[in-house]
Structure formats: structure tokens, C-alpha cells
Amino acid sequence: MTDICMLKTMDSRNTNEAKQEPKTMVWWDINSCPVPDGYDARMVAHSIESELKKAGYPGPLTITAIGYLNTPLMCM
């Protein structure tokens, strides 16, 4: 049986600050863009946020990961 996992993280900034900045959403398809072997999947959100900030997207961030898993994974 194949499990489906949805991982969603939200920016922890207060709502007053968040209203002043544009929002960024990332939809991560873990089947077409999997975490490479040897890397920790829990660090993906931090890496995406860091790269977006470097590219000039400092606002609130929502990351949603979707896909089919071959092994069970506890959703965060």
C-alpha cells in the first residue's frame, strides 16, 4: 500500500509583519523532485527558505509537499 503525505510549514512571523510583505507559496512534488539519498528531508524547508531569501523573497513562506511514498513517513 502506498501512503500519501502532505507536509505544510508556515512562517512563524507575527501577522502585522506578514501583512506588509508579499506571500510566497512553494508546492513541492516529492515524486518528481525527491530528496537526494543521504540528505535529511526535514531540512528541505529551511533550505528552500534560505534560497528564497537570498533571491530577494523575504516575506512569509508556505511550503506544501505532496506525493506518494514507498515507505511510511510521519507527516509534520
PDB file of N, CA and C in Angstrom:
ATOM      1  N   MET A   1       0.848  -1.180   0.000  1.00  0.00           N
ATOM      2  CA  MET A   1       0.000   0.000   0.000  1.00  0.00           C
ATOM      3  C   MET A   1       0.892   1.242   0.000  1.00  0.00           C
ATOM      4  N   THR A   2       0.538   2.215  -0.802  1.00  0.00           N
ATOM      5  CA  THR A   2       1.314   3.444  -0.899  1.00  0.00           C
ATOM      6  C   THR A   2       0.663   4.525  -0.056  1.00  0.00           C
ATOM      7  N   ASP A   3       1.472   5.192   0.757  1.00  0.00           N
ATOM      8  CA  ASP A   3       0.976   6.273   1.607  1.00  0.00           C
ATOM      9  C   ASP A   3       1.091   7.602   0.873  1.00  0.00           C
ATOM     10  N   ILE A   4       0.206   8.513   1.199  1.00  0.00           N
ATOM     11  CA  ILE A   4       0.276   9.867   0.684  1.00  0.00           C
ATOM     12  C   ILE A   4       0.578  10.763   1.881  1.00  0.00           C
ATOM     13  N   CYS A   5       1.546  11.646   1.708  1.00  0.00           N
ATOM     14  CA  CYS A   5       1.921  12.539   2.798  1.00  0.00           C
ATOM     15  C   CYS A   5       1.855  13.974   2.326  1.00  0.00           C
ATOM     16  N   MET A   6       1.264  14.827   3.125  1.00  0.00           N
ATOM     17  CA  MET A   6       1.279  16.256   2.837  1.00  0.00           C
ATOM     18  C   MET A   6       1.997  16.942   3.989  1.00  0.00           C
ATOM     19  N   LEU A   7       3.038  17.684   3.678  1.00  0.00           N
ATOM     20  CA  LEU A   7       3.832  18.397   4.667  1.00  0.00           C
ATOM     21  C   LEU A   7       3.620  19.877   4.427  1.00  0.00           C
ATOM     22  N   LYS A   8       3.231  20.586   5.453  1.00  0.00           N
ATOM     23  CA  LYS A   8       2.982  22.005   5.298  1.00  0.00           C
ATOM     24  C   LYS A   8       3.649  22.742   6.443  1.00  0.00           C
ATOM     25  N   THR A   9       4.458  23.750   6.113  1.00  0.00           N
ATOM     26  CA  THR A   9       5.081  24.569   7.137  1.00  0.00           C
ATOM     27  C   THR A   9       4.660  26.012   6.904  1.00  0.00           C
ATOM     28  N   MET A  10       4.474  26.743   7.965  1.00  0.00           N
ATOM     29  CA  MET A  10       4.067  28.131   7.865  1.00  0.00           C
ATOM     30  C   MET A  10       5.128  29.015   8.493  1.00  0.00           C
ATOM     31  N   ASP A  11       5.233  30.240   7.997  1.00  0.00           N
ATOM     32  CA  ASP A  11       6.149  31.219   8.561  1.00  0.00           C
ATOM     33  C   ASP A  11       5.664  31.580   9.957  1.00  0.00           C
ATOM     34  N   SER A  12       6.595  31.742  10.876  1.00  0.00           N
ATOM     35  CA  SER A  12       6.236  31.994  12.268  1.00  0.00           C
ATOM     36  C   SER A  12       6.193  33.478  12.616  1.00  0.00           C
ATOM     37  N   ARG A  13       6.307  34.378  11.650  1.00  0.00           N
ATOM     38  CA  ARG A  13       6.275  35.807  11.948  1.00  0.00           C
ATOM     39  C   ARG A  13       4.892  36.243  12.410  1.00  0.00           C
ATOM     40  N   ASN A  14       4.844  37.351  13.139  1.00  0.00           N
ATOM     41  CA  ASN A  14       3.541  37.820  13.606  1.00  0.00           C
ATOM     42  C   ASN A  14       2.713  38.334  12.432  1.00  0.00           C
ATOM     43  N   THR A  15       1.403  38.414  12.608  1.00  0.00           N
ATOM     44  CA  THR A  15       0.509  38.729  11.494  1.00  0.00           C
ATOM     45  C   THR A  15       0.668  40.160  11.003  1.00  0.00           C
ATOM     46  N   ASN A  16       1.020  41.120  11.861  1.00  0.00           N
ATOM     47  CA  ASN A  16       1.205  42.501  11.410  1.00  0.00           C
ATOM     48  C   ASN A  16       2.351  42.600  10.415  1.00  0.00           C
ATOM     49  N   GLU A  17       3.455  41.936  10.698  1.00  0.00           N
ATOM     50  CA  GLU A  17       4.600  41.948   9.794  1.00  0.00           C
ATOM     51  C   GLU A  17       4.261  41.204   8.504  1.00  0.00           C
ATOM     52  N   ALA A  18       3.567  40.084   8.619  1.00  0.00           N
ATOM     53  CA  ALA A  18       3.244  39.262   7.454  1.00  0.00           C
ATOM     54  C   ALA A  18       2.342  40.007   6.477  1.00  0.00           C
ATOM     55  N   LYS A  19       1.447  40.868   6.962  1.00  0.00           N
ATOM     56  CA  LYS A  19       0.540  41.606   6.089  1.00  0.00           C
ATOM     57  C   LYS A  19       1.275  42.620   5.225  1.00  0.00           C
ATOM     58  N   GLN A  20       2.452  43.047   5.639  1.00  0.00           N
ATOM     59  CA  GLN A  20       3.191  44.071   4.921  1.00  0.00           C
ATOM     60  C   GLN A  20       4.063  43.503   3.810  1.00  0.00           C
ATOM     61  N   GLU A  21       4.310  42.218   3.792  1.00  0.00           N
ATOM     62  CA  GLU A  21       5.193  41.611   2.806  1.00  0.00           C
ATOM     63  C   GLU A  21       4.414  40.659   1.905  1.00  0.00           C
ATOM     64  N   PRO A  22       4.844  40.530   0.638  1.00  0.00           N
ATOM     65  CA  PRO A  22       4.185  39.570  -0.250  1.00  0.00           C
ATOM     66  C   PRO A  22       4.371  38.139   0.264  1.00  0.00           C
ATOM     67  N   LYS A  23       3.378  37.323   0.061  1.00  0.00           N
ATOM     68  CA  LYS A  23       3.438  35.926   0.488  1.00  0.00           C
ATOM     69  C   LYS A  23       4.025  35.074  -0.632  1.00  0.00           C
ATOM     70  N   THR A  24       4.774  34.047  -0.250  1.00  0.00           N
ATOM     71  CA  THR A  24       5.346  33.117  -1.210  1.00  0.00           C
ATOM     72  C   THR A  24       4.858  31.718  -0.875  1.00  0.00           C
ATOM     73  N   MET A  25       4.393  30.986  -1.889  1.00  0.00           N
ATOM     74  CA  MET A  25       3.981  29.594  -1.702  1.00  0.00           C
ATOM     75  C   MET A  25       4.852  28.704  -2.567  1.00  0.00           C
ATOM     76  N   VAL A  26       5.268  27.578  -2.004  1.00  0.00           N
ATOM     77  CA  VAL A  26       6.043  26.573  -2.730  1.00  0.00           C
ATOM     78  C   VAL A  26       5.267  25.272  -2.682  1.00  0.00           C
ATOM     79  N   TRP A  27       4.983  24.706  -3.839  1.00  0.00           N
ATOM     80  CA  TRP A  27       4.372  23.378  -3.939  1.00  0.00           C
ATOM     81  C   TRP A  27       5.482  22.433  -4.367  1.00  0.00           C
ATOM     82  N   TRP A  28       5.839  21.514  -3.491  1.00  0.00           N
ATOM     83  CA  TRP A  28       6.973  20.616  -3.731  1.00  0.00           C
ATOM     84  C   TRP A  28       6.450  19.221  -4.055  1.00  0.00           C
ATOM     85  N   ASP A  29       6.653  18.772  -5.278  1.00  0.00           N
ATOM     86  CA  ASP A  29       6.269  17.427  -5.705  1.00  0.00           C
ATOM     87  C   ASP A  29       7.435  16.491  -5.366  1.00  0.00           C
ATOM     88  N   ILE A  30       7.291  15.730  -4.294  1.00  0.00           N
ATOM     89  CA  ILE A  30       8.399  14.891  -3.823  1.00  0.00           C
ATOM     90  C   ILE A  30       8.650  13.683  -4.724  1.00  0.00           C
ATOM     91  N   ASN A  31       7.750  13.422  -5.677  1.00  0.00           N
ATOM     92  CA  ASN A  31       7.987  12.330  -6.620  1.00  0.00           C
ATOM     93  C   ASN A  31       8.861  12.776  -7.792  1.00  0.00           C
ATOM     94  N   SER A  32       8.608  13.963  -8.336  1.00  0.00           N
ATOM     95  CA  SER A  32       9.424  14.441  -9.452  1.00  0.00           C
ATOM     96  C   SER A  32      10.682  15.170  -8.985  1.00  0.00           C
ATOM     97  N   CYS A  33      10.716  15.578  -7.716  1.00  0.00           N
ATOM     98  CA  CYS A  33      11.881  16.267  -7.162  1.00  0.00           C
ATOM     99  C   CYS A  33      12.161  15.709  -5.761  1.00  0.00           C
ATOM    100  N   PRO A  34      12.646  14.460  -5.687  1.00  0.00           N
ATOM    101  CA  PRO A  34      12.842  13.816  -4.383  1.00  0.00           C
ATOM    102  C   PRO A  34      14.070  14.355  -3.644  1.00  0.00           C
ATOM    103  N   VAL A  35      14.093  14.092  -2.362  1.00  0.00           N
ATOM    104  CA  VAL A  35      15.265  14.420  -1.550  1.00  0.00           C
ATOM    105  C   VAL A  35      16.365  13.427  -1.925  1.00  0.00           C
ATOM    106  N   PRO A  36      17.562  13.917  -2.272  1.00  0.00           N
ATOM    107  CA  PRO A  36      18.654  13.008  -2.649  1.00  0.00           C
ATOM    108  C   PRO A  36      19.037  12.061  -1.505  1.00  0.00           C
ATOM    109  N   ASP A  37      19.490  10.877  -1.859  1.00  0.00           N
ATOM    110  CA  ASP A  37      19.953   9.922  -0.853  1.00  0.00           C
ATOM    111  C   ASP A  37      21.029  10.568   0.014  1.00  0.00           C
ATOM    112  N   GLY A  38      20.958  10.310   1.300  1.00  0.00           N
ATOM    113  CA  GLY A  38      21.953  10.835   2.222  1.00  0.00           C
ATOM    114  C   GLY A  38      21.609  12.200   2.800  1.00  0.00           C
ATOM    115  N   TYR A  39      20.523  12.828   2.311  1.00  0.00           N
ATOM    116  CA  TYR A  39      20.108  14.129   2.824  1.00  0.00           C
ATOM    117  C   TYR A  39      18.906  13.967   3.739  1.00  0.00           C
ATOM    118  N   ASP A  40      18.762  14.873   4.679  1.00  0.00           N
ATOM    119  CA  ASP A  40      17.684  14.837   5.656  1.00  0.00           C
ATOM    120  C   ASP A  40      16.478  15.615   5.113  1.00  0.00           C
ATOM    121  N   ALA A  41      15.373  14.928   4.892  1.00  0.00           N
ATOM    122  CA  ALA A  41      14.173  15.563   4.340  1.00  0.00           C
ATOM    123  C   ALA A  41      13.643  16.674   5.244  1.00  0.00           C
ATOM    124  N   ARG A  42      13.920  16.592   6.533  1.00  0.00           N
ATOM    125  CA  ARG A  42      13.437  17.613   7.463  1.00  0.00           C
ATOM    126  C   ARG A  42      14.122  18.958   7.258  1.00  0.00           C
ATOM    127  N   MET A  43      15.243  18.985   6.568  1.00  0.00           N
ATOM    128  CA  MET A  43      15.972  20.229   6.339  1.00  0.00           C
ATOM    129  C   MET A  43      15.557  20.931   5.044  1.00  0.00           C
ATOM    130  N   VAL A  44      14.678  20.319   4.274  1.00  0.00           N
ATOM    131  CA  VAL A  44      14.284  20.887   2.984  1.00  0.00           C
ATOM    132  C   VAL A  44      13.621  22.252   3.157  1.00  0.00           C
ATOM    133  N   ALA A  45      12.699  22.384   4.080  1.00  0.00           N
ATOM    134  CA  ALA A  45      12.003  23.659   4.279  1.00  0.00           C
ATOM    135  C   ALA A  45      12.996  24.775   4.598  1.00  0.00           C
ATOM    136  N   HIS A  46      13.951  24.499   5.460  1.00  0.00           N
ATOM    137  CA  HIS A  46      14.957  25.507   5.813  1.00  0.00           C
ATOM    138  C   HIS A  46      15.790  25.893   4.589  1.00  0.00           C
ATOM    139  N   SER A  47      16.176  24.920   3.796  1.00  0.00           N
ATOM    140  CA  SER A  47      16.977  25.189   2.599  1.00  0.00           C
ATOM    141  C   SER A  47      16.197  26.020   1.578  1.00  0.00           C
ATOM    142  N   ILE A  48      14.928  25.695   1.371  1.00  0.00           N
ATOM    143  CA  ILE A  48      14.091  26.452   0.434  1.00  0.00           C
ATOM    144  C   ILE A  48      13.952  27.897   0.917  1.00  0.00           C
ATOM    145  N   GLU A  49      13.664  28.075   2.206  1.00  0.00           N
ATOM    146  CA  GLU A  49      13.508  29.417   2.767  1.00  0.00           C
ATOM    147  C   GLU A  49      14.803  30.230   2.621  1.00  0.00           C
ATOM    148  N   SER A  50      15.941  29.621   2.898  1.00  0.00           N
ATOM    149  CA  SER A  50      17.228  30.314   2.780  1.00  0.00           C
ATOM    150  C   SER A  50      17.492  30.776   1.349  1.00  0.00           C
ATOM    151  N   GLU A  51      17.233  29.884   0.385  1.00  0.00           N
ATOM    152  CA  GLU A  51      17.478  30.226  -1.018  1.00  0.00           C
ATOM    153  C   GLU A  51      16.525  31.310  -1.513  1.00  0.00           C
ATOM    154  N   LEU A  52      15.265  31.272  -1.073  1.00  0.00           N
ATOM    155  CA  LEU A  52      14.321  32.312  -1.466  1.00  0.00           C
ATOM    156  C   LEU A  52      14.728  33.668  -0.901  1.00  0.00           C
ATOM    157  N   LYS A  53      15.202  33.702   0.348  1.00  0.00           N
ATOM    158  CA  LYS A  53      15.665  34.962   0.943  1.00  0.00           C
ATOM    159  C   LYS A  53      16.861  35.511   0.172  1.00  0.00           C
ATOM    160  N   LYS A  54      17.785  34.634  -0.205  1.00  0.00           N
ATOM    161  CA  LYS A  54      18.948  35.067  -1.000  1.00  0.00           C
ATOM    162  C   LYS A  54      18.510  35.651  -2.345  1.00  0.00           C
ATOM    163  N   ALA A  55      17.417  35.127  -2.900  1.00  0.00           N
ATOM    164  CA  ALA A  55      16.911  35.578  -4.206  1.00  0.00           C
ATOM    165  C   ALA A  55      16.009  36.812  -4.087  1.00  0.00           C
ATOM    166  N   GLY A  56      15.819  37.314  -2.853  1.00  0.00           N
ATOM    167  CA  GLY A  56      15.038  38.531  -2.671  1.00  0.00           C
ATOM    168  C   GLY A  56      13.586  38.326  -2.318  1.00  0.00           C
ATOM    169  N   TYR A  57      13.224  37.159  -1.827  1.00  0.00           N
ATOM    170  CA  TYR A  57      11.849  36.872  -1.395  1.00  0.00           C
ATOM    171  C   TYR A  57      11.820  36.681   0.124  1.00  0.00           C
ATOM    172  N   PRO A  58      11.808  37.788   0.901  1.00  0.00           N
ATOM    173  CA  PRO A  58      11.915  37.678   2.357  1.00  0.00           C
ATOM    174  C   PRO A  58      10.592  37.474   3.087  1.00  0.00           C
ATOM    175  N   GLY A  59       9.479  37.553   2.398  1.00  0.00           N
ATOM    176  CA  GLY A  59       8.169  37.529   3.045  1.00  0.00           C
ATOM    177  C   GLY A  59       7.776  36.184   3.613  1.00  0.00           C
ATOM    178  N   PRO A  60       6.546  36.115   4.117  1.00  0.00           N
ATOM    179  CA  PRO A  60       6.011  34.881   4.681  1.00  0.00           C
ATOM    180  C   PRO A  60       6.046  33.754   3.651  1.00  0.00           C
ATOM    181  N   LEU A  61       6.345  32.555   4.107  1.00  0.00           N
ATOM    182  CA  LEU A  61       6.515  31.410   3.218  1.00  0.00           C
ATOM    183  C   LEU A  61       5.651  30.246   3.666  1.00  0.00           C
ATOM    184  N   THR A  62       4.969  29.634   2.714  1.00  0.00           N
ATOM    185  CA  THR A  62       4.231  28.395   2.947  1.00  0.00           C
ATOM    186  C   THR A  62       4.804  27.347   2.005  1.00  0.00           C
ATOM    187  N   ILE A  63       5.181  26.186   2.563  1.00  0.00           N
ATOM    188  CA  ILE A  63       5.700  25.095   1.749  1.00  0.00           C
ATOM    189  C   ILE A  63       4.757  23.912   1.907  1.00  0.00           C
ATOM    190  N   THR A  64       4.277  23.390   0.791  1.00  0.00           N
ATOM    191  CA  THR A  64       3.425  22.213   0.805  1.00  0.00           C
ATOM    192  C   THR A  64       4.086  21.141  -0.041  1.00  0.00           C
ATOM    193  N   ALA A  65       4.399  20.010   0.592  1.00  0.00           N
ATOM    194  CA  ALA A  65       4.999  18.887  -0.123  1.00  0.00           C
ATOM    195  C   ALA A  65       3.938  17.818  -0.310  1.00  0.00           C
ATOM    196  N   ILE A  66       3.799  17.344  -1.549  1.00  0.00           N
ATOM    197  CA  ILE A  66       2.813  16.310  -1.841  1.00  0.00           C
ATOM    198  C   ILE A  66       3.459  15.208  -2.672  1.00  0.00           C
ATOM    199  N   GLY A  67       2.935  13.996  -2.541  1.00  0.00           N
ATOM    200  CA  GLY A  67       3.444  12.900  -3.350  1.00  0.00           C
ATOM    201  C   GLY A  67       3.133  11.557  -2.730  1.00  0.00           C
ATOM    202  N   TYR A  68       3.481  10.522  -3.445  1.00  0.00           N
ATOM    203  CA  TYR A  68       3.293   9.159  -2.976  1.00  0.00           C
ATOM    204  C   TYR A  68       4.613   8.644  -2.408  1.00  0.00           C
ATOM    205  N   LEU A  69       4.520   7.985  -1.256  1.00  0.00           N
ATOM    206  CA  LEU A  69       5.706   7.463  -0.575  1.00  0.00           C
ATOM    207  C   LEU A  69       5.709   5.944  -0.631  1.00  0.00           C
ATOM    208  N   ASN A  70       6.889   5.374  -0.793  1.00  0.00           N
ATOM    209  CA  ASN A  70       7.019   3.919  -0.778  1.00  0.00           C
ATOM    210  C   ASN A  70       7.123   3.380   0.641  1.00  0.00           C
ATOM    211  N   THR A  71       7.559   4.217   1.561  1.00  0.00           N
ATOM    212  CA  THR A  71       7.670   3.810   2.957  1.00  0.00           C
ATOM    213  C   THR A  71       6.907   4.812   3.802  1.00  0.00           C
ATOM    214  N   PRO A  72       6.325   4.382   4.907  1.00  0.00           N
ATOM    215  CA  PRO A  72       5.578   5.300   5.765  1.00  0.00           C
ATOM    216  C   PRO A  72       6.482   6.393   6.309  1.00  0.00           C
ATOM    217  N   LEU A  73       5.942   7.609   6.403  1.00  0.00           N
ATOM    218  CA  LEU A  73       6.665   8.754   6.922  1.00  0.00           C
ATOM    219  C   LEU A  73       5.721   9.520   7.818  1.00  0.00           C
ATOM    220  N   MET A  74       6.201   9.916   8.977  1.00  0.00           N
ATOM    221  CA  MET A  74       5.368  10.702   9.862  1.00  0.00           C
ATOM    222  C   MET A  74       5.283  12.111   9.314  1.00  0.00           C
ATOM    223  N   CYS A  75       4.089  12.585   9.014  1.00  0.00           N
ATOM    224  CA  CYS A  75       3.897  13.939   8.477  1.00  0.00           C
ATOM    225  C   CYS A  75       4.096  14.952   9.579  1.00  0.00           C
ATOM    226  N   MET A  76       4.677  16.089   9.214  1.00  0.00           N
ATOM    227  CA  MET A  76       4.955  17.151  10.189  1.00  0.00           C
ATOM    228  C   MET A  76       3.916  18.233  10.070  1.00  0.00           C
TER     229      MET A  76
END
